[in-house]
Amino acid sequence: MAISVQRDAYDENLGFSYYVSFKPTVPGAILDEDVCARVPVETTLSVSETGDIADFSFVLPKLCRSEQAITFLRRQQQARISPPQVHIAVPGPMGDSFASAVGNLELDLAGRIIAMSINWMPGVAAC
């Protein structure tokens, strides 16, 4: 199953919010009770002029570098993993600019990365 990317409408105060699901499930079917931990990461995005993600990359935190943790990432054809670096290409949009953003990896009870939330404010550097 392909990676699912959902984007909320642009908010003047928050910017864009994206939710990327890696677990093979119905899009949007990951519930809060499925998430046992959130691990902050900084990500680099390539976005289209309409704000769609074309690709993104991040460094796996030490907690998430086991084969168990990256189980669902390894199953994705769009994911390129060269530990500790992960690069994911999203089918469809072509990126025309790069940006830094903050994100959270979401882990299930078994410690597997099941999703990632990303918040990006155009024109503002990530802290």
Protein backbone atom coordinates (compact mmCIF):
# COMPACT_ATOMS: atom_id res chain seq x y z
CA MET A 1 0.00 0.00 0.00
CA ALA A 2 1.27 3.47 -0.86
CA ILE A 3 2.07 6.14 1.67
CA SER A 4 -1.00 8.23 2.49
CA VAL A 5 -0.55 12.01 2.88
CA GLN A 6 -3.36 14.17 4.21
CA ARG A 7 -3.11 17.96 4.35
CA ASP A 8 -5.25 20.29 6.40
CA ALA A 9 -6.38 23.61 4.97
CA TYR A 10 -3.85 26.42 5.36
CA ASP A 11 -4.18 28.26 8.67
CA GLU A 12 -2.75 31.79 8.93
CA ASN A 13 -1.42 31.11 12.44
CA LEU A 14 -0.27 27.50 12.04
CA GLY A 15 0.58 27.16 8.35
CA PHE A 16 0.14 23.72 6.77
CA SER A 17 -0.37 20.52 8.75
CA TYR A 18 0.34 17.19 7.07
CA TYR A 19 -0.31 13.67 8.29
CA VAL A 20 1.70 10.91 6.62
CA SER A 21 0.63 7.30 7.27
CA PHE A 22 3.12 4.47 6.78
CA LYS A 23 1.05 1.64 8.24
CA PRO A 24 -0.96 -0.29 5.65
CA THR A 25 -4.48 0.68 6.62
CA VAL A 26 -7.42 2.66 5.34
CA PRO A 27 -6.26 6.31 4.99
CA GLY A 28 -7.07 8.23 8.14
CA ALA A 29 -7.77 5.03 10.09
CA ILE A 30 -4.89 5.42 12.56
CA LEU A 31 -6.54 6.44 15.80
CA ASP A 32 -5.01 8.29 18.74
CA GLU A 33 -5.25 5.10 20.80
CA ASP A 34 -2.99 3.37 18.22
CA VAL A 35 -0.25 5.90 19.00
CA CYS A 36 1.77 5.03 22.10
CA ALA A 37 4.60 7.56 21.66
CA ARG A 38 5.46 10.66 19.65
CA VAL A 39 9.10 11.45 18.89
CA PRO A 40 9.99 14.94 17.61
CA VAL A 41 12.11 15.25 14.46
CA GLU A 42 13.19 18.02 12.14
CA THR A 43 12.35 17.37 8.52
CA THR A 44 13.27 18.88 5.19
CA LEU A 45 10.42 19.21 2.70
CA SER A 46 10.16 19.79 -1.00
CA VAL A 47 6.77 21.37 -1.68
CA SER A 48 4.81 22.38 -4.77
CA GLU A 49 3.55 25.92 -5.21
CA THR A 50 0.14 24.76 -3.95
CA GLY A 51 1.67 23.42 -0.72
CA ASP A 52 1.59 19.70 -1.55
CA ILE A 53 4.55 17.65 -0.33
CA ALA A 54 6.67 16.23 -3.17
CA ASP A 55 9.25 14.62 -0.90
CA PHE A 56 10.68 14.88 2.58
CA SER A 57 13.58 13.56 4.61
CA PHE A 58 14.54 13.25 8.25
CA VAL A 59 17.08 11.63 10.52
CA LEU A 60 15.84 8.72 12.58
CA PRO A 61 16.23 9.41 16.30
CA LYS A 62 18.33 6.76 18.09
CA LEU A 63 15.15 5.35 19.65
CA CYS A 64 13.81 4.58 16.14
CA ARG A 65 16.83 3.02 14.43
CA SER A 66 15.98 -0.64 15.01
CA GLU A 67 14.63 -2.91 12.26
CA GLN A 68 11.47 -3.28 14.36
CA ALA A 69 10.93 0.50 14.40
CA ILE A 70 11.27 0.90 10.63
CA THR A 71 9.16 -2.12 9.69
CA PHE A 72 6.45 -0.10 7.92
CA LEU A 73 8.95 2.30 6.33
CA ARG A 74 10.86 -0.61 4.76
CA ARG A 75 7.66 -1.80 3.06
CA GLN A 76 7.23 1.48 1.19
CA GLN A 77 8.60 1.63 -2.36
CA GLN A 78 8.84 5.42 -2.08
CA ALA A 79 11.09 5.26 1.00
CA ARG A 80 14.87 5.22 0.75
CA ILE A 81 16.51 4.37 4.06
CA SER A 82 20.24 4.82 4.62
CA PRO A 83 20.38 4.75 8.41
CA PRO A 84 20.01 7.09 10.05
CA GLN A 85 18.67 9.10 7.06
CA VAL A 86 15.19 8.49 5.58
CA HIS A 87 14.02 10.04 2.30
CA ILE A 88 10.46 9.63 1.06
CA ALA A 89 9.17 10.65 -2.38
CA VAL A 90 5.44 11.28 -2.62
CA PRO A 91 3.90 10.26 -5.96
CA GLY A 92 2.31 13.10 -7.89
CA PRO A 93 3.39 16.63 -7.04
CA MET A 94 6.64 18.17 -8.23
CA GLY A 95 8.48 20.21 -5.62
CA ASP A 96 9.68 23.67 -6.51
CA SER A 97 10.98 24.86 -3.15
CA PHE A 98 12.65 23.41 -0.08
CA ALA A 99 11.85 24.16 3.53
CA SER A 100 12.54 22.99 7.07
CA ALA A 101 9.66 21.90 9.26
CA VAL A 102 8.97 20.28 12.59
CA GLY A 103 7.41 16.86 12.83
CA ASN A 104 6.55 14.02 15.16
CA LEU A 105 7.05 10.35 14.42
CA GLU A 106 4.17 8.32 15.83
CA LEU A 107 4.99 4.89 17.23
CA ASP A 108 2.67 2.02 18.08
CA LEU A 109 2.84 -0.22 21.15
CA ALA A 110 5.45 -2.44 19.43
CA GLY A 111 7.70 0.60 18.82
CA ARG A 112 7.08 0.69 15.06
CA ILE A 113 6.81 4.01 13.23
CA ILE A 114 3.22 4.11 11.95
CA ALA A 115 2.86 7.75 10.93
CA MET A 116 4.38 11.22 10.97
CA SER A 117 2.76 14.58 11.53
CA ILE A 118 4.46 17.62 9.98
CA ASN A 119 3.78 21.30 10.61
CA TRP A 120 5.16 23.86 8.18
CA MET A 121 4.73 27.61 8.10
CA PRO A 122 5.83 29.04 4.72
CA GLY A 123 8.51 31.68 5.15
CA VAL A 124 9.38 30.66 8.71
CA ALA A 125 12.45 28.58 9.55
CA ALA A 126 11.95 25.60 11.88
CA CYS A 127 13.40 25.94 15.36
